Amino acid sequence: MPSDDLRFELRRRLSAAVRDRDRIAVAALREAIAALDNAEAVRSDPDLKTGSGPDVAGGVGGLGAAEVERRILDAGEQRAILRAVIETRLTAASTYDEHGQSLRATELRSGAGILIATLG
């Protein structure tokens, strides 16, 4: 599966879930897409100091200095991230069950099921 196929499938399913007003699917799919986006973010280097302007937390100096290519995740990395999101949802569902919140646990498991189906 090419690396963009999983993200494409998540977005396709998200569009359908929004159209169908399926809030559980929307939440699960948005969480998965956000996890992929976060994993592609370039880590900042706290020791990087450029420019002669005032020190601003996280700031870099110079025109275009903050423009950096995002990481590219291969298909295996994307699938691993999606599996981690699923595992997090299932663990949280168990915790909710232990605390008598079976409705929330069921919602989390339903969302995990949607993500599992996306993995194929």
Foldseek 3Di string as FASTA:
>chain_A
DWQCLLVVLLVVQLVVCVVVVVVLQVVLSVVLNVLVVVVQADDDDQVDEEDDDDDDVPDYDDVCPPDDGTHRDGNVRSVVSLVVSLVVLQVVLVVCVVVVNNVSSVSSNVSSVVSVVSVD
